[in-house]
N, C-alpha and C. Protein backbone atom coordinates (compact mmCIF):
# COMPACT_ATOMS: atom_id res chain seq x y z
N UNK A 1 -133.59 13.26 -31.46
CA UNK A 1 -133.15 12.32 -32.48
C UNK A 1 -133.28 12.94 -33.86
N UNK A 2 -132.39 12.49 -34.67
CA UNK A 2 -132.41 12.99 -36.04
C UNK A 2 -133.61 12.39 -36.78
N UNK A 3 -134.13 13.17 -37.63
CA UNK A 3 -135.24 12.65 -38.43
C UNK A 3 -134.69 11.83 -39.58
N UNK A 4 -135.54 11.06 -40.17
CA UNK A 4 -135.17 10.22 -41.31
C UNK A 4 -134.69 11.09 -42.47
N UNK A 5 -135.28 12.27 -42.64
CA UNK A 5 -134.91 13.19 -43.71
C UNK A 5 -133.50 13.72 -43.48
N UNK A 6 -133.19 14.11 -42.24
CA UNK A 6 -131.85 14.61 -41.92
C UNK A 6 -130.79 13.53 -42.16
N UNK A 7 -131.14 12.33 -41.77
CA UNK A 7 -130.21 11.21 -41.94
C UNK A 7 -129.95 10.96 -43.43
N UNK A 8 -130.98 10.95 -44.24
CA UNK A 8 -130.84 10.73 -45.67
C UNK A 8 -130.04 11.86 -46.32
N UNK A 9 -130.32 13.08 -45.89
CA UNK A 9 -129.60 14.24 -46.43
C UNK A 9 -128.11 14.13 -46.10
N UNK A 10 -127.83 13.74 -44.87
CA UNK A 10 -126.43 13.58 -44.45
C UNK A 10 -125.75 12.50 -45.28
N UNK A 11 -126.41 11.37 -45.45
CA UNK A 11 -125.85 10.27 -46.21
C UNK A 11 -125.61 10.68 -47.67
N UNK A 12 -126.54 11.41 -48.23
CA UNK A 12 -126.37 11.88 -49.60
C UNK A 12 -125.20 12.85 -49.71
N UNK A 13 -125.07 13.71 -48.71
CA UNK A 13 -123.96 14.67 -48.69
C UNK A 13 -122.63 13.93 -48.63
N UNK A 14 -122.54 12.95 -47.73
CA UNK A 14 -121.30 12.19 -47.57
C UNK A 14 -121.01 11.37 -48.84
N UNK A 15 -122.03 10.77 -49.40
CA UNK A 15 -121.85 10.00 -50.63
C UNK A 15 -121.36 10.91 -51.77
N UNK A 16 -121.89 12.11 -51.86
CA UNK A 16 -121.45 13.06 -52.88
C UNK A 16 -119.99 13.45 -52.66
N UNK A 17 -119.62 13.67 -51.40
CA UNK A 17 -118.23 14.02 -51.09
C UNK A 17 -117.29 12.85 -51.42
N UNK A 18 -117.73 11.63 -51.10
CA UNK A 18 -116.92 10.45 -51.43
C UNK A 18 -116.79 10.27 -52.94
N UNK A 19 -117.87 10.51 -53.66
CA UNK A 19 -117.82 10.41 -55.11
C UNK A 19 -116.84 11.43 -55.67
N UNK A 20 -116.90 12.64 -55.15
CA UNK A 20 -115.97 13.69 -55.59
C UNK A 20 -114.53 13.29 -55.25
N UNK A 21 -114.31 12.80 -54.04
CA UNK A 21 -112.97 12.39 -53.62
C UNK A 21 -112.47 11.24 -54.49
N UNK A 22 -113.32 10.28 -54.76
CA UNK A 22 -112.92 9.15 -55.63
C UNK A 22 -112.52 9.65 -57.01
N UNK A 23 -113.27 10.60 -57.55
CA UNK A 23 -112.94 11.16 -58.86
C UNK A 23 -111.58 11.86 -58.82
N UNK A 24 -111.32 12.59 -57.74
CA UNK A 24 -110.04 13.28 -57.61
C UNK A 24 -108.89 12.28 -57.48
N UNK A 25 -109.12 11.22 -56.72
CA UNK A 25 -108.09 10.19 -56.56
C UNK A 25 -107.79 9.56 -57.92
N UNK A 26 -108.82 9.22 -58.66
CA UNK A 26 -108.63 8.62 -59.98
C UNK A 26 -107.91 9.58 -60.93
N UNK A 27 -108.25 10.86 -60.82
CA UNK A 27 -107.59 11.87 -61.66
C UNK A 27 -106.10 11.91 -61.36
N UNK A 28 -105.73 11.91 -60.07
CA UNK A 28 -104.31 11.95 -59.71
C UNK A 28 -103.61 10.64 -60.06
N UNK A 29 -104.31 9.54 -59.94
CA UNK A 29 -103.71 8.27 -60.35
C UNK A 29 -103.37 8.31 -61.83
N UNK A 30 -104.29 8.86 -62.62
CA UNK A 30 -104.06 8.97 -64.06
C UNK A 30 -102.88 9.89 -64.35
N UNK A 31 -102.79 11.01 -63.60
CA UNK A 31 -101.68 11.94 -63.80
C UNK A 31 -100.35 11.28 -63.46
N UNK A 32 -100.32 10.55 -62.34
CA UNK A 32 -99.09 9.86 -61.93
C UNK A 32 -98.72 8.80 -62.95
N UNK A 33 -99.72 8.05 -63.39
CA UNK A 33 -99.45 7.01 -64.38
C UNK A 33 -98.91 7.63 -65.67
N UNK A 34 -99.50 8.74 -66.09
CA UNK A 34 -99.04 9.42 -67.30
C UNK A 34 -97.62 9.94 -67.13
N UNK A 35 -97.34 10.54 -65.97
CA UNK A 35 -95.99 11.06 -65.75
C UNK A 35 -94.98 9.93 -65.69
N UNK A 36 -95.39 8.80 -65.12
CA UNK A 36 -94.49 7.65 -65.09
C UNK A 36 -94.25 7.13 -66.50
N UNK A 37 -95.32 7.10 -67.31
CA UNK A 37 -95.17 6.64 -68.68
C UNK A 37 -94.25 7.58 -69.46
N UNK A 38 -94.44 8.88 -69.27
CA UNK A 38 -93.58 9.85 -69.94
C UNK A 38 -92.14 9.72 -69.47
N UNK A 39 -91.97 9.53 -68.16
CA UNK A 39 -90.61 9.36 -67.62
C UNK A 39 -89.99 8.07 -68.15
N UNK A 40 -90.79 7.01 -68.22
CA UNK A 40 -90.29 5.74 -68.72
C UNK A 40 -89.84 5.88 -70.17
N UNK A 41 -90.64 6.56 -70.98
CA UNK A 41 -90.27 6.78 -72.38
C UNK A 41 -88.98 7.58 -72.45
N UNK A 42 -88.88 8.60 -71.61
CA UNK A 42 -87.67 9.44 -71.60
C UNK A 42 -86.45 8.60 -71.21
N UNK A 43 -86.60 7.74 -70.21
CA UNK A 43 -85.48 6.90 -69.79
C UNK A 43 -85.08 5.93 -70.89
N UNK A 44 -86.08 5.32 -71.53
CA UNK A 44 -85.77 4.41 -72.62
C UNK A 44 -85.10 5.14 -73.77
N UNK A 45 -85.53 6.37 -74.05
CA UNK A 45 -84.89 7.16 -75.10
C UNK A 45 -83.43 7.41 -74.76
N UNK A 46 -83.17 7.76 -73.50
CA UNK A 46 -81.78 7.99 -73.09
C UNK A 46 -80.97 6.71 -73.19
N UNK A 47 -81.55 5.60 -72.77
CA UNK A 47 -80.83 4.33 -72.83
C UNK A 47 -80.61 3.89 -74.28
N UNK A 48 -81.59 4.17 -75.13
CA UNK A 48 -81.41 3.85 -76.55
C UNK A 48 -80.29 4.68 -77.16
N UNK A 49 -80.23 5.97 -76.79
CA UNK A 49 -79.15 6.84 -77.26
C UNK A 49 -77.80 6.29 -76.80
N UNK A 50 -77.75 5.84 -75.55
CA UNK A 50 -76.51 5.25 -75.04
C UNK A 50 -76.15 3.99 -75.82
N UNK A 51 -77.13 3.19 -76.17
CA UNK A 51 -76.87 1.97 -76.93
C UNK A 51 -76.29 2.29 -78.30
N UNK A 52 -76.82 3.32 -78.94
CA UNK A 52 -76.31 3.74 -80.25
C UNK A 52 -74.86 4.19 -80.12
N UNK A 53 -74.58 4.99 -79.10
CA UNK A 53 -73.20 5.46 -78.88
C UNK A 53 -72.28 4.29 -78.54
N UNK A 54 -72.79 3.36 -77.74
CA UNK A 54 -71.99 2.18 -77.39
C UNK A 54 -71.66 1.38 -78.63
N UNK A 55 -72.65 1.20 -79.51
CA UNK A 55 -72.41 0.46 -80.75
C UNK A 55 -71.36 1.16 -81.62
N UNK A 56 -71.41 2.48 -81.66
CA UNK A 56 -70.42 3.24 -82.44
C UNK A 56 -69.02 3.05 -81.85
N UNK A 57 -68.93 3.07 -80.53
CA UNK A 57 -67.63 2.86 -79.87
C UNK A 57 -67.14 1.43 -80.14
N UNK A 58 -68.05 0.47 -80.09
CA UNK A 58 -67.67 -0.92 -80.38
C UNK A 58 -67.13 -1.04 -81.80
N UNK A 59 -67.79 -0.38 -82.73
CA UNK A 59 -67.33 -0.42 -84.13
C UNK A 59 -65.95 0.24 -84.26
N UNK A 60 -65.76 1.37 -83.59
CA UNK A 60 -64.46 2.05 -83.63
C UNK A 60 -63.37 1.16 -83.02
N UNK A 61 -63.71 0.44 -81.96
CA UNK A 61 -62.74 -0.46 -81.35
C UNK A 61 -62.36 -1.58 -82.31
N UNK A 62 -63.36 -2.14 -82.99
CA UNK A 62 -63.07 -3.19 -83.96
C UNK A 62 -62.19 -2.67 -85.09
N UNK A 63 -62.50 -1.44 -85.55
CA UNK A 63 -61.67 -0.83 -86.60
C UNK A 63 -60.26 -0.57 -86.09
N UNK A 64 -60.16 -0.14 -84.85
CA UNK A 64 -58.86 0.13 -84.24
C UNK A 64 -58.04 -1.15 -84.16
N UNK A 65 -58.68 -2.24 -83.79
CA UNK A 65 -57.99 -3.52 -83.68
C UNK A 65 -57.49 -4.02 -85.02
N UNK A 66 -58.19 -3.65 -86.09
CA UNK A 66 -57.81 -4.10 -87.43
C UNK A 66 -56.88 -3.11 -88.14
N UNK A 67 -56.65 -1.97 -87.53
CA UNK A 67 -55.91 -0.89 -88.20
C UNK A 67 -54.44 -1.27 -88.40
N UNK A 68 -53.92 -0.73 -89.47
CA UNK A 68 -52.49 -0.89 -89.71
C UNK A 68 -51.73 -0.02 -88.71
N UNK A 69 -50.45 -0.28 -88.62
CA UNK A 69 -49.61 0.48 -87.68
C UNK A 69 -49.66 1.97 -87.99
N UNK A 70 -49.67 2.32 -89.27
CA UNK A 70 -49.66 3.73 -89.65
C UNK A 70 -50.99 4.43 -89.33
N UNK A 71 -52.09 3.73 -89.37
CA UNK A 71 -53.40 4.34 -89.12
C UNK A 71 -53.82 4.23 -87.65
N UNK A 72 -53.11 3.43 -86.88
CA UNK A 72 -53.53 3.12 -85.53
C UNK A 72 -53.64 4.37 -84.65
N UNK A 73 -52.65 5.24 -84.64
CA UNK A 73 -52.69 6.41 -83.76
C UNK A 73 -53.84 7.34 -84.09
N UNK A 74 -54.08 7.56 -85.37
CA UNK A 74 -55.18 8.42 -85.77
C UNK A 74 -56.52 7.81 -85.36
N UNK A 75 -56.64 6.52 -85.54
CA UNK A 75 -57.88 5.83 -85.17
C UNK A 75 -58.05 5.77 -83.66
N UNK A 76 -56.93 5.68 -82.95
CA UNK A 76 -56.99 5.65 -81.49
C UNK A 76 -57.57 6.95 -80.98
N UNK A 77 -57.18 8.06 -81.56
CA UNK A 77 -57.70 9.36 -81.14
C UNK A 77 -59.21 9.43 -81.37
N UNK A 78 -59.68 8.95 -82.52
CA UNK A 78 -61.11 8.92 -82.80
C UNK A 78 -61.86 8.02 -81.83
N UNK A 79 -61.23 6.89 -81.48
CA UNK A 79 -61.84 5.99 -80.51
C UNK A 79 -61.95 6.65 -79.15
N UNK A 80 -60.90 7.30 -78.70
CA UNK A 80 -60.90 7.93 -77.39
C UNK A 80 -61.94 9.05 -77.32
N UNK A 81 -62.10 9.79 -78.39
CA UNK A 81 -63.12 10.85 -78.43
C UNK A 81 -64.51 10.23 -78.30
N UNK A 82 -64.76 9.15 -79.04
CA UNK A 82 -66.06 8.47 -78.97
C UNK A 82 -66.28 7.88 -77.58
N UNK A 83 -65.21 7.32 -77.00
CA UNK A 83 -65.31 6.73 -75.67
C UNK A 83 -65.65 7.80 -74.63
N UNK A 84 -64.98 8.95 -74.70
CA UNK A 84 -65.26 10.04 -73.76
C UNK A 84 -66.71 10.52 -73.88
N UNK A 85 -67.20 10.62 -75.12
CA UNK A 85 -68.58 11.03 -75.35
C UNK A 85 -69.55 10.02 -74.74
N UNK A 86 -69.27 8.74 -74.95
CA UNK A 86 -70.12 7.69 -74.38
C UNK A 86 -70.10 7.74 -72.85
N UNK A 87 -68.93 7.89 -72.26
CA UNK A 87 -68.80 7.92 -70.81
C UNK A 87 -69.56 9.11 -70.22
N UNK A 88 -69.45 10.28 -70.85
CA UNK A 88 -70.17 11.46 -70.37
C UNK A 88 -71.67 11.28 -70.50
N UNK A 89 -72.10 10.73 -71.61
CA UNK A 89 -73.53 10.49 -71.81
C UNK A 89 -74.07 9.49 -70.79
N UNK A 90 -73.29 8.44 -70.53
CA UNK A 90 -73.70 7.44 -69.56
C UNK A 90 -73.82 8.06 -68.17
N UNK A 91 -72.81 8.80 -67.76
CA UNK A 91 -72.84 9.43 -66.44
C UNK A 91 -74.03 10.38 -66.30
N UNK A 92 -74.31 11.14 -67.35
CA UNK A 92 -75.44 12.06 -67.32
C UNK A 92 -76.77 11.33 -67.23
N UNK A 93 -76.92 10.27 -68.00
CA UNK A 93 -78.17 9.51 -67.98
C UNK A 93 -78.38 8.84 -66.63
N UNK A 94 -77.32 8.26 -66.09
CA UNK A 94 -77.43 7.60 -64.78
C UNK A 94 -77.80 8.62 -63.70
N UNK A 95 -77.20 9.78 -63.73
CA UNK A 95 -77.52 10.82 -62.75
C UNK A 95 -78.97 11.24 -62.88
N UNK A 96 -79.41 11.46 -64.11
CA UNK A 96 -80.80 11.89 -64.35
C UNK A 96 -81.79 10.83 -63.86
N UNK A 97 -81.53 9.58 -64.17
CA UNK A 97 -82.42 8.50 -63.74
C UNK A 97 -82.41 8.35 -62.23
N UNK A 98 -81.23 8.38 -61.63
CA UNK A 98 -81.14 8.26 -60.17
C UNK A 98 -81.84 9.42 -59.47
N UNK A 99 -81.66 10.63 -59.99
CA UNK A 99 -82.34 11.79 -59.39
C UNK A 99 -83.85 11.63 -59.44
N UNK A 100 -84.35 11.11 -60.54
CA UNK A 100 -85.79 10.94 -60.70
C UNK A 100 -86.32 9.83 -59.82
N UNK A 101 -85.53 8.80 -59.60
CA UNK A 101 -85.98 7.67 -58.81
C UNK A 101 -85.85 7.90 -57.31
N UNK A 102 -85.02 8.84 -56.93
CA UNK A 102 -84.83 9.10 -55.49
C UNK A 102 -85.67 10.24 -55.01
């Protein structure tokens, strides 16, 4: 039979290992939480950039709708350029977010 000293030593060893494991688990939880927070900030930044571009396109559309016949074609070209930029940015952001989430 094991002596009381051996049993206590074993329990202390296991408790120390569990304490170490708990610290490692907490460390990784903090790392994951931090990376999620950083990723969340990055996603919000991308979405905010898209919102700014969307607002610019909306403004160009309103200007296009109010444009005189002579200015319409020139403004249409500016609108289409802004629209293409917005569409590319949106596609890129969606791909980046989907890649990160999958």
